[in-house]
Amino acid sequence: METLKRNIDELRARADSLQSLYAHDRRIFEEDPNLSDIGRREKLDSLKSEITRGLRTLMDEENRLIDEEIVRVERRIHSARGSQTVDLIAARDADERASRLSNADEAAPMLHRALRSDDTVLAVAVARRGVDEGWYSVVRMLEGERPELAKPFKELSKLIQLRDQFLRVMHYAPPAS
């Protein structure tokens, strides 16, 4: 997760540099007395297009890095279920039960029962549903009772929040005209 954060910070710094470059070059074009209005507009449009492409590339790279990390964490979560046929059937059934949960208040007692009876497969399914639906209280409950099982869910929650964070888009917003 630290490597991901460093990589994202680097991408965002590069995006900020592109934004600064645009502001700098725009000022130069606007103040250039040798450019006609049409020439100035063409230069600005070209610059904006180039910077926008660069920002899109950086944002796509950030999305790819986050998605790859989500896949790695999801694999760790799925490995907690086991790989025997009986485990897979139990996982399918647990996923079905968890999919019927409509809120965190319904999920909490099911998670509590699963943990009390040492039903890791059901606990994983309920916690995954909690992450998918944004019921972070379910993940906190799992962390309180089984911290080792909760760790990948906490990571997954953070990754999903990072991916969906509106403010990150600000780094990659195309320049204003």
N, C-alpha and C. Protein backbone atom coordinates (compact mmCIF):
# COMPACT_ATOMS: atom_id res chain seq x y z
N MET A 1 0.82 -1.19 0.00
CA MET A 1 0.00 0.00 0.00
C MET A 1 0.87 1.26 0.00
N GLU A 2 2.02 1.21 0.68
CA GLU A 2 2.93 2.36 0.69
C GLU A 2 3.49 2.63 -0.70
N THR A 3 3.82 1.56 -1.43
CA THR A 3 4.32 1.73 -2.79
C THR A 3 3.26 2.38 -3.66
N LEU A 4 2.03 1.94 -3.51
CA LEU A 4 0.93 2.53 -4.26
C LEU A 4 0.81 4.02 -3.95
N LYS A 5 0.87 4.35 -2.67
CA LYS A 5 0.75 5.76 -2.27
C LYS A 5 1.89 6.59 -2.88
N ARG A 6 3.10 6.07 -2.85
CA ARG A 6 4.24 6.78 -3.44
C ARG A 6 4.03 6.98 -4.95
N ASN A 7 3.56 5.92 -5.62
CA ASN A 7 3.33 6.02 -7.06
C ASN A 7 2.24 7.03 -7.39
N ILE A 8 1.19 7.03 -6.59
CA ILE A 8 0.10 7.99 -6.81
C ILE A 8 0.59 9.41 -6.55
N ASP A 9 1.35 9.59 -5.48
CA ASP A 9 1.89 10.92 -5.19
C ASP A 9 2.76 11.42 -6.35
N GLU A 10 3.54 10.51 -6.92
CA GLU A 10 4.39 10.88 -8.06
C GLU A 10 3.54 11.26 -9.28
N LEU A 11 2.51 10.48 -9.55
CA LEU A 11 1.62 10.80 -10.68
C LEU A 11 0.94 12.15 -10.47
N ARG A 12 0.49 12.40 -9.26
CA ARG A 12 -0.19 13.66 -8.98
C ARG A 12 0.77 14.84 -9.05
N ALA A 13 2.00 14.63 -8.64
CA ALA A 13 3.01 15.70 -8.76
C ALA A 13 3.26 16.00 -10.24
N ARG A 14 3.32 14.96 -11.06
CA ARG A 14 3.50 15.17 -12.50
C ARG A 14 2.30 15.91 -13.09
N ALA A 15 1.09 15.56 -12.60
CA ALA A 15 -0.12 16.25 -13.08
C ALA A 15 -0.07 17.72 -12.66
N ASP A 16 0.33 17.98 -11.44
CA ASP A 16 0.44 19.37 -10.97
C ASP A 16 1.46 20.13 -11.81
N SER A 17 2.55 19.46 -12.19
CA SER A 17 3.56 20.09 -13.04
C SER A 17 2.98 20.43 -14.42
N LEU A 18 2.19 19.52 -14.96
CA LEU A 18 1.54 19.81 -16.25
C LEU A 18 0.61 21.01 -16.14
N GLN A 19 -0.14 21.07 -15.03
CA GLN A 19 -1.04 22.21 -14.82
C GLN A 19 -0.24 23.51 -14.74
N SER A 20 0.88 23.48 -14.04
CA SER A 20 1.74 24.67 -13.93
C SER A 20 2.34 25.04 -15.28
N LEU A 21 2.75 24.05 -16.04
CA LEU A 21 3.29 24.29 -17.37
C LEU A 21 2.25 24.98 -18.25
N TYR A 22 1.02 24.50 -18.18
CA TYR A 22 -0.05 25.11 -18.96
C TYR A 22 -0.23 26.57 -18.57
N ALA A 23 -0.29 26.85 -17.27
CA ALA A 23 -0.48 28.22 -16.80
C ALA A 23 0.68 29.11 -17.27
N HIS A 24 1.89 28.60 -17.17
CA HIS A 24 3.08 29.35 -17.59
C HIS A 24 3.05 29.64 -19.09
N ASP A 25 2.85 28.59 -19.89
CA ASP A 25 2.87 28.76 -21.34
C ASP A 25 1.68 29.59 -21.82
N ARG A 26 0.58 29.46 -21.17
CA ARG A 26 -0.60 30.25 -21.55
C ARG A 26 -0.30 31.74 -21.36
N ARG A 27 0.31 32.06 -20.25
CA ARG A 27 0.66 33.45 -19.97
C ARG A 27 1.62 33.98 -21.05
N ILE A 28 2.59 33.15 -21.43
CA ILE A 28 3.54 33.55 -22.46
C ILE A 28 2.82 33.81 -23.78
N PHE A 29 1.92 32.90 -24.18
CA PHE A 29 1.19 33.07 -25.44
C PHE A 29 0.29 34.30 -25.41
N GLU A 30 -0.34 34.53 -24.27
CA GLU A 30 -1.26 35.66 -24.17
C GLU A 30 -0.51 37.00 -24.21
N GLU A 31 0.74 36.99 -23.76
CA GLU A 31 1.51 38.24 -23.72
C GLU A 31 2.40 38.42 -24.96
N ASP A 32 2.43 37.44 -25.83
CA ASP A 32 3.30 37.51 -27.00
C ASP A 32 2.73 38.49 -28.03
N PRO A 33 3.41 39.63 -28.26
CA PRO A 33 2.88 40.63 -29.20
C PRO A 33 3.03 40.20 -30.66
N ASN A 34 3.80 39.14 -30.91
CA ASN A 34 4.00 38.69 -32.28
C ASN A 34 2.90 37.73 -32.76
N LEU A 35 2.01 37.34 -31.85
CA LEU A 35 0.93 36.42 -32.23
C LEU A 35 -0.34 37.19 -32.52
N SER A 36 -1.00 36.81 -33.60
CA SER A 36 -2.32 37.37 -33.87
C SER A 36 -3.32 36.68 -32.95
N ASP A 37 -4.53 37.19 -32.89
CA ASP A 37 -5.57 36.55 -32.07
C ASP A 37 -5.79 35.11 -32.52
N ILE A 38 -5.79 34.91 -33.83
CA ILE A 38 -5.99 33.55 -34.35
C ILE A 38 -4.80 32.67 -34.01
N GLY A 39 -3.60 33.18 -34.20
CA GLY A 39 -2.39 32.43 -33.87
C GLY A 39 -2.34 32.09 -32.39
N ARG A 40 -2.71 33.07 -31.56
CA ARG A 40 -2.74 32.85 -30.11
C ARG A 40 -3.73 31.74 -29.76
N ARG A 41 -4.93 31.81 -30.35
CA ARG A 41 -5.97 30.81 -30.09
C ARG A 41 -5.50 29.42 -30.52
N GLU A 42 -4.85 29.34 -31.68
CA GLU A 42 -4.34 28.04 -32.16
C GLU A 42 -3.29 27.48 -31.21
N LYS A 43 -2.38 28.34 -30.77
CA LYS A 43 -1.33 27.89 -29.83
C LYS A 43 -1.96 27.43 -28.51
N LEU A 44 -2.90 28.21 -28.00
CA LEU A 44 -3.56 27.84 -26.74
C LEU A 44 -4.35 26.55 -26.88
N ASP A 45 -5.07 26.40 -27.98
CA ASP A 45 -5.85 25.17 -28.20
C ASP A 45 -4.94 23.96 -28.29
N SER A 46 -3.84 24.12 -28.99
CA SER A 46 -2.87 23.02 -29.13
C SER A 46 -2.27 22.66 -27.77
N LEU A 47 -1.89 23.68 -27.02
CA LEU A 47 -1.32 23.45 -25.68
C LEU A 47 -2.34 22.76 -24.78
N LYS A 48 -3.55 23.26 -24.79
CA LYS A 48 -4.60 22.67 -23.95
C LYS A 48 -4.83 21.21 -24.32
N SER A 49 -4.87 20.92 -25.60
CA SER A 49 -5.08 19.54 -26.05
C SER A 49 -3.94 18.64 -25.58
N GLU A 50 -2.71 19.12 -25.72
CA GLU A 50 -1.54 18.34 -25.31
C GLU A 50 -1.55 18.10 -23.79
N ILE A 51 -1.82 19.12 -23.02
CA ILE A 51 -1.84 19.00 -21.55
C ILE A 51 -2.98 18.08 -21.13
N THR A 52 -4.14 18.22 -21.75
CA THR A 52 -5.29 17.37 -21.41
C THR A 52 -4.98 15.90 -21.68
N ARG A 53 -4.32 15.61 -22.81
CA ARG A 53 -3.91 14.22 -23.10
C ARG A 53 -2.96 13.70 -22.04
N GLY A 54 -2.01 14.52 -21.65
CA GLY A 54 -1.06 14.11 -20.61
C GLY A 54 -1.74 13.85 -19.28
N LEU A 55 -2.68 14.72 -18.91
CA LEU A 55 -3.41 14.53 -17.66
C LEU A 55 -4.27 13.27 -17.70
N ARG A 56 -4.91 13.02 -18.84
CA ARG A 56 -5.73 11.81 -18.99
C ARG A 56 -4.86 10.57 -18.86
N THR A 57 -3.68 10.61 -19.44
CA THR A 57 -2.76 9.46 -19.35
C THR A 57 -2.36 9.21 -17.90
N LEU A 58 -2.07 10.28 -17.17
CA LEU A 58 -1.68 10.13 -15.77
C LEU A 58 -2.84 9.60 -14.92
N MET A 59 -4.05 10.10 -15.17
CA MET A 59 -5.20 9.62 -14.41
C MET A 59 -5.49 8.15 -14.75
N ASP A 60 -5.38 7.79 -16.01
CA ASP A 60 -5.57 6.39 -16.39
C ASP A 60 -4.55 5.49 -15.69
N GLU A 61 -3.33 5.97 -15.58
CA GLU A 61 -2.29 5.20 -14.89
C GLU A 61 -2.62 5.06 -13.41
N GLU A 62 -3.11 6.12 -12.77
CA GLU A 62 -3.51 6.03 -11.37
C GLU A 62 -4.65 5.03 -11.21
N ASN A 63 -5.63 5.10 -12.09
CA ASN A 63 -6.74 4.14 -12.03
C ASN A 63 -6.24 2.71 -12.17
N ARG A 64 -5.30 2.50 -13.10
CA ARG A 64 -4.75 1.15 -13.32
C ARG A 64 -4.04 0.66 -12.06
N LEU A 65 -3.23 1.52 -11.45
CA LEU A 65 -2.51 1.12 -10.23
C LEU A 65 -3.48 0.76 -9.10
N ILE A 66 -4.51 1.57 -8.91
CA ILE A 66 -5.49 1.30 -7.85
C ILE A 66 -6.24 0.00 -8.15
N ASP A 67 -6.67 -0.18 -9.40
CA ASP A 67 -7.40 -1.39 -9.76
C ASP A 67 -6.55 -2.65 -9.58
N GLU A 68 -5.27 -2.56 -9.92
CA GLU A 68 -4.38 -3.71 -9.72
C GLU A 68 -4.25 -4.04 -8.23
N GLU A 69 -4.15 -3.02 -7.40
CA GLU A 69 -4.04 -3.27 -5.96
C GLU A 69 -5.34 -3.85 -5.41
N ILE A 70 -6.47 -3.38 -5.92
CA ILE A 70 -7.76 -3.93 -5.50
C ILE A 70 -7.82 -5.42 -5.83
N VAL A 71 -7.37 -5.80 -7.01
CA VAL A 71 -7.37 -7.21 -7.41
C VAL A 71 -6.47 -8.03 -6.47
N ARG A 72 -5.29 -7.49 -6.12
CA ARG A 72 -4.40 -8.21 -5.21
C ARG A 72 -5.06 -8.42 -3.84
N VAL A 73 -5.69 -7.39 -3.33
CA VAL A 73 -6.34 -7.49 -2.02
C VAL A 73 -7.53 -8.45 -2.10
N GLU A 74 -8.30 -8.37 -3.17
CA GLU A 74 -9.44 -9.29 -3.32
C GLU A 74 -8.98 -10.74 -3.36
N ARG A 75 -7.84 -11.00 -3.99
CA ARG A 75 -7.31 -12.37 -4.01
C ARG A 75 -6.97 -12.85 -2.60
N ARG A 76 -6.41 -11.95 -1.79
CA ARG A 76 -6.12 -12.32 -0.40
C ARG A 76 -7.42 -12.61 0.36
N ILE A 77 -8.44 -11.83 0.10
CA ILE A 77 -9.73 -12.05 0.75
C ILE A 77 -10.30 -13.40 0.34
N HIS A 78 -10.28 -13.67 -0.95
CA HIS A 78 -10.83 -14.95 -1.43
C HIS A 78 -10.04 -16.14 -0.93
N SER A 79 -8.75 -15.97 -0.70
CA SER A 79 -7.95 -17.09 -0.20
C SER A 79 -8.33 -17.45 1.24
N ALA A 80 -8.94 -16.51 1.96
CA ALA A 80 -9.37 -16.78 3.33
C ALA A 80 -10.53 -17.76 3.36
N ARG A 81 -11.18 -17.95 2.24
CA ARG A 81 -12.33 -18.84 2.16
C ARG A 81 -11.94 -20.31 2.04
N GLY A 82 -10.78 -20.57 1.52
CA GLY A 82 -10.38 -21.94 1.26
C GLY A 82 -10.59 -22.29 -0.20
N SER A 83 -10.08 -23.44 -0.62
CA SER A 83 -10.17 -23.79 -2.03
C SER A 83 -10.72 -25.19 -2.27
N GLN A 84 -11.13 -25.88 -1.23
CA GLN A 84 -11.73 -27.19 -1.40
C GLN A 84 -13.16 -27.03 -1.95
N THR A 85 -13.67 -28.06 -2.56
CA THR A 85 -15.02 -28.00 -3.14
C THR A 85 -16.05 -27.59 -2.11
N VAL A 86 -15.95 -28.16 -0.92
CA VAL A 86 -16.90 -27.82 0.13
C VAL A 86 -16.78 -26.34 0.51
N ASP A 87 -15.55 -25.80 0.50
CA ASP A 87 -15.34 -24.39 0.80
C ASP A 87 -15.99 -23.51 -0.27
N LEU A 88 -15.85 -23.94 -1.51
CA LEU A 88 -16.42 -23.15 -2.61
C LEU A 88 -17.94 -23.13 -2.56
N ILE A 89 -18.53 -24.27 -2.21
CA ILE A 89 -20.00 -24.33 -2.08
C ILE A 89 -20.45 -23.46 -0.91
N ALA A 90 -19.73 -23.56 0.21
CA ALA A 90 -20.05 -22.73 1.37
C ALA A 90 -19.90 -21.26 1.03
N ALA A 91 -18.88 -20.92 0.27
CA ALA A 91 -18.66 -19.52 -0.12
C ALA A 91 -19.80 -19.02 -1.00
N ARG A 92 -20.23 -19.85 -1.93
CA ARG A 92 -21.35 -19.46 -2.79
C ARG A 92 -22.60 -19.22 -1.97
N ASP A 93 -22.87 -20.13 -1.04
CA ASP A 93 -24.06 -19.98 -0.17
C ASP A 93 -23.93 -18.74 0.73
N ALA A 94 -22.74 -18.52 1.27
CA ALA A 94 -22.53 -17.36 2.13
C ALA A 94 -22.69 -16.06 1.33
N ASP A 95 -22.18 -16.05 0.10
CA ASP A 95 -22.34 -14.87 -0.75
C ASP A 95 -23.82 -14.60 -1.03
N GLU A 96 -24.56 -15.65 -1.25
CA GLU A 96 -26.00 -15.50 -1.50
C GLU A 96 -26.70 -14.91 -0.27
N ARG A 97 -26.37 -15.43 0.90
CA ARG A 97 -26.98 -14.89 2.13
C ARG A 97 -26.58 -13.43 2.33
N ALA A 98 -25.33 -13.12 2.13
CA ALA A 98 -24.85 -11.75 2.31
C ALA A 98 -25.48 -10.80 1.29
N SER A 99 -25.73 -11.28 0.10
CA SER A 99 -26.31 -10.41 -0.94
C SER A 99 -27.72 -9.96 -0.58
N ARG A 100 -28.39 -10.69 0.29
CA ARG A 100 -29.75 -10.32 0.70
C ARG A 100 -29.77 -9.26 1.80
N LEU A 101 -28.62 -8.94 2.35
CA LEU A 101 -28.55 -7.90 3.39
C LEU A 101 -28.79 -6.54 2.75
N SER A 102 -29.60 -5.73 3.41
CA SER A 102 -29.92 -4.43 2.80
C SER A 102 -29.30 -3.25 3.54
N ASN A 103 -28.72 -3.48 4.72
CA ASN A 103 -28.07 -2.37 5.43
C ASN A 103 -27.13 -2.93 6.51
N ALA A 104 -26.37 -2.03 7.09
CA ALA A 104 -25.38 -2.43 8.10
C ALA A 104 -26.06 -3.00 9.35
N ASP A 105 -27.26 -2.52 9.67
CA ASP A 105 -27.97 -3.03 10.85
C ASP A 105 -28.36 -4.49 10.69
N GLU A 106 -28.62 -4.92 9.46
CA GLU A 106 -28.88 -6.35 9.21
C GLU A 106 -27.58 -7.15 9.16
N ALA A 107 -26.52 -6.53 8.66
CA ALA A 107 -25.25 -7.23 8.51
C ALA A 107 -24.57 -7.50 9.85
N ALA A 108 -24.68 -6.57 10.78
CA ALA A 108 -23.97 -6.70 12.06
C ALA A 108 -24.32 -7.98 12.82
N PRO A 109 -25.62 -8.30 12.99
CA PRO A 109 -25.91 -9.54 13.72
C PRO A 109 -25.46 -10.80 12.97
N MET A 110 -25.56 -10.76 11.64
CA MET A 110 -25.12 -11.93 10.87
C MET A 110 -23.61 -12.11 11.01
N LEU A 111 -22.87 -11.01 10.97
CA LEU A 111 -21.42 -11.08 11.15
C LEU A 111 -21.09 -11.57 12.55
N HIS A 112 -21.79 -11.05 13.53
CA HIS A 112 -21.55 -11.46 14.91
C HIS A 112 -21.79 -12.98 15.08
N ARG A 113 -22.88 -13.48 14.52
CA ARG A 113 -23.16 -14.93 14.61
C ARG A 113 -22.08 -15.74 13.89
N ALA A 114 -21.67 -15.26 12.72
CA ALA A 114 -20.64 -15.98 11.96
C ALA A 114 -19.33 -16.04 12.75
N LEU A 115 -18.96 -14.93 13.36
CA LEU A 115 -17.73 -14.91 14.14
C LEU A 115 -17.84 -15.77 15.39
N ARG A 116 -18.99 -15.71 16.04
CA ARG A 116 -19.20 -16.50 17.25
C ARG A 116 -19.12 -17.99 16.95
N SER A 117 -19.63 -18.39 15.80
CA SER A 117 -19.62 -19.82 15.45
C SER A 117 -18.38 -20.20 14.62
N ASP A 118 -17.44 -19.27 14.49
CA ASP A 118 -16.20 -19.49 13.74
C ASP A 118 -16.47 -19.84 12.28
N ASP A 119 -17.50 -19.24 11.70
CA ASP A 119 -17.85 -19.43 10.28
C ASP A 119 -17.14 -18.34 9.48
N THR A 120 -15.86 -18.58 9.19
CA THR A 120 -15.04 -17.60 8.49
C THR A 120 -15.60 -17.29 7.11
N VAL A 121 -16.13 -18.29 6.44
CA VAL A 121 -16.65 -18.09 5.09
C VAL A 121 -17.80 -17.09 5.10
N LEU A 122 -18.72 -17.23 6.03
CA LEU A 122 -19.83 -16.29 6.12
C LEU A 122 -19.34 -14.92 6.59
N ALA A 123 -18.42 -14.88 7.52
CA ALA A 123 -17.87 -13.60 7.98
C ALA A 123 -17.22 -12.84 6.83
N VAL A 124 -16.48 -13.55 5.99
CA VAL A 124 -15.84 -12.93 4.83
C VAL A 124 -16.91 -12.40 3.86
N ALA A 125 -17.94 -13.17 3.62
CA ALA A 125 -19.00 -12.74 2.70
C ALA A 125 -19.72 -11.49 3.22
N VAL A 126 -20.02 -11.47 4.51
CA VAL A 126 -20.72 -10.32 5.09
C VAL A 126 -19.79 -9.09 5.08
N ALA A 127 -18.54 -9.28 5.42
CA ALA A 127 -17.60 -8.16 5.41
C ALA A 127 -17.43 -7.61 3.99
N ARG A 128 -17.35 -8.52 3.02
CA ARG A 128 -17.21 -8.07 1.63
C ARG A 128 -18.44 -7.26 1.21
N ARG A 129 -19.61 -7.73 1.59
CA ARG A 129 -20.84 -6.99 1.29
C ARG A 129 -20.78 -5.61 1.96
N GLY A 130 -20.28 -5.57 3.18
CA GLY A 130 -20.14 -4.30 3.89
C GLY A 130 -19.23 -3.33 3.16
N VAL A 131 -18.12 -3.84 2.65
CA VAL A 131 -17.20 -2.99 1.90
C VAL A 131 -17.88 -2.50 0.61
N ASP A 132 -18.49 -3.42 -0.10
CA ASP A 132 -19.14 -3.06 -1.37
C ASP A 132 -20.21 -2.00 -1.19
N GLU A 133 -20.92 -2.06 -0.08
CA GLU A 133 -22.03 -1.13 0.16
C GLU A 133 -21.62 0.11 0.96
N GLY A 134 -20.37 0.15 1.41
CA GLY A 134 -19.92 1.29 2.20
C GLY A 134 -20.36 1.23 3.65
N TRP A 135 -20.64 0.04 4.14
CA TRP A 135 -21.03 -0.15 5.55
C TRP A 135 -19.75 -0.39 6.36
N TYR A 136 -19.00 0.65 6.60
CA TYR A 136 -17.70 0.50 7.24
C TYR A 136 -17.79 0.08 8.69
N SER A 137 -18.96 0.26 9.29
CA SER A 137 -19.14 -0.20 10.67
C SER A 137 -19.01 -1.73 10.73
N VAL A 138 -19.38 -2.41 9.65
CA VAL A 138 -19.27 -3.87 9.60
C VAL A 138 -17.79 -4.27 9.61
N VAL A 139 -16.98 -3.55 8.84
CA VAL A 139 -15.54 -3.84 8.81
C VAL A 139 -14.93 -3.53 10.18
N ARG A 140 -15.35 -2.44 10.81
CA ARG A 140 -14.83 -2.11 12.15
C ARG A 140 -15.21 -3.19 13.16
N MET A 141 -16.42 -3.74 13.03
CA MET A 141 -16.85 -4.82 13.92
C MET A 141 -15.96 -6.05 13.72
N LEU A 142 -15.69 -6.38 12.47
CA LEU A 142 -14.81 -7.50 12.17
C LEU A 142 -13.41 -7.24 12.73
N GLU A 143 -12.95 -6.03 12.61
CA GLU A 143 -11.63 -5.68 13.12
C GLU A 143 -11.56 -5.84 14.64
N GLY A 144 -12.65 -5.50 15.31
CA GLY A 144 -12.68 -5.62 16.76
C GLY A 144 -12.62 -7.06 17.23
N GLU A 145 -13.19 -7.96 16.45
CA GLU A 145 -13.24 -9.36 16.88
C GLU A 145 -12.19 -10.25 16.21
N ARG A 146 -11.84 -9.94 14.98
CA ARG A 146 -10.85 -10.75 14.23
C ARG A 146 -9.94 -9.83 13.40
N PRO A 147 -9.02 -9.12 14.07
CA PRO A 147 -8.19 -8.14 13.35
C PRO A 147 -7.43 -8.72 12.17
N GLU A 148 -6.97 -9.96 12.30
CA GLU A 148 -6.20 -10.57 11.21
C GLU A 148 -7.06 -10.79 9.98
N LEU A 149 -8.33 -11.07 10.19
CA LEU A 149 -9.26 -11.27 9.07
C LEU A 149 -9.70 -9.92 8.50
N ALA A 150 -9.71 -8.89 9.31
CA ALA A 150 -10.20 -7.58 8.89
C ALA A 150 -9.18 -6.79 8.06
N LYS A 151 -7.91 -7.11 8.21
CA LYS A 151 -6.87 -6.30 7.56
C LYS A 151 -7.09 -6.12 6.05
N PRO A 152 -7.30 -7.18 5.29
CA PRO A 152 -7.50 -6.94 3.84
C PRO A 152 -8.79 -6.17 3.54
N PHE A 153 -9.80 -6.29 4.39
CA PHE A 153 -11.04 -5.54 4.17
C PHE A 153 -10.81 -4.05 4.41
N LYS A 154 -10.01 -3.73 5.41
CA LYS A 154 -9.67 -2.33 5.65
C LYS A 154 -8.90 -1.76 4.46
N GLU A 155 -7.96 -2.55 3.95
CA GLU A 155 -7.20 -2.11 2.78
C GLU A 155 -8.12 -1.91 1.59
N LEU A 156 -9.01 -2.86 1.37
CA LEU A 156 -9.94 -2.76 0.25
C LEU A 156 -10.84 -1.54 0.41
N SER A 157 -11.31 -1.28 1.61
CA SER A 157 -12.14 -0.09 1.86
C SER A 157 -11.38 1.18 1.50
N LYS A 158 -10.13 1.25 1.93
CA LYS A 158 -9.32 2.44 1.63
C LYS A 158 -9.10 2.60 0.14
N LEU A 159 -8.86 1.49 -0.54
CA LEU A 159 -8.64 1.55 -1.99
C LEU A 159 -9.89 2.01 -2.73
N ILE A 160 -11.02 1.48 -2.33
CA ILE A 160 -12.28 1.88 -2.97
C ILE A 160 -12.56 3.35 -2.71
N GLN A 161 -12.32 3.80 -1.49
CA GLN A 161 -12.51 5.22 -1.17
C GLN A 161 -11.54 6.08 -1.97
N LEU A 162 -10.31 5.61 -2.11
CA LEU A 162 -9.32 6.34 -2.89
C LEU A 162 -9.75 6.44 -4.35
N ARG A 163 -10.19 5.34 -4.90
CA ARG A 163 -10.62 5.32 -6.31
C ARG A 163 -11.81 6.24 -6.54
N ASP A 164 -12.71 6.29 -5.57
CA ASP A 164 -13.94 7.06 -5.74
C ASP A 164 -13.83 8.49 -5.20
N GLN A 165 -12.69 8.86 -4.71
CA GLN A 165 -12.50 10.18 -4.09
C GLN A 165 -12.60 11.27 -5.15
N PHE A 166 -13.52 12.18 -4.93
CA PHE A 166 -13.74 13.26 -5.89
C PHE A 166 -12.54 14.18 -6.01
N LEU A 167 -11.90 14.48 -4.89
CA LEU A 167 -10.81 15.45 -4.91
C LEU A 167 -9.63 15.01 -5.76
N ARG A 168 -9.46 13.71 -5.94
CA ARG A 168 -8.33 13.26 -6.75
C ARG A 168 -8.49 13.70 -8.20
N VAL A 169 -9.72 13.87 -8.63
CA VAL A 169 -9.98 14.31 -10.00
C VAL A 169 -9.43 15.72 -10.22
N MET A 170 -9.35 16.50 -9.15
CA MET A 170 -8.86 17.87 -9.28
C MET A 170 -7.43 17.92 -9.82
N HIS A 171 -6.63 16.92 -9.50
CA HIS A 171 -5.26 16.88 -10.00
C HIS A 171 -5.22 16.69 -11.51
N TYR A 172 -6.24 16.03 -12.04
CA TYR A 172 -6.24 15.65 -13.44
C TYR A 172 -7.25 16.42 -14.27
N ALA A 173 -7.83 17.47 -13.68
CA ALA A 173 -8.84 18.25 -14.41
C ALA A 173 -8.17 18.95 -15.59
N PRO A 174 -8.84 18.92 -16.75
CA PRO A 174 -8.25 19.62 -17.90
C PRO A 174 -8.19 21.12 -17.63
N PRO A 175 -7.23 21.79 -18.22
CA PRO A 175 -7.10 23.22 -17.98
C PRO A 175 -8.32 23.98 -18.50
N ALA A 176 -8.64 25.04 -17.79
CA ALA A 176 -9.74 25.91 -18.22
C ALA A 176 -9.23 26.81 -19.35
N SER A 177 -10.10 27.15 -20.22
CA SER A 177 -9.68 28.02 -21.36
C SER A 177 -9.51 29.44 -20.92
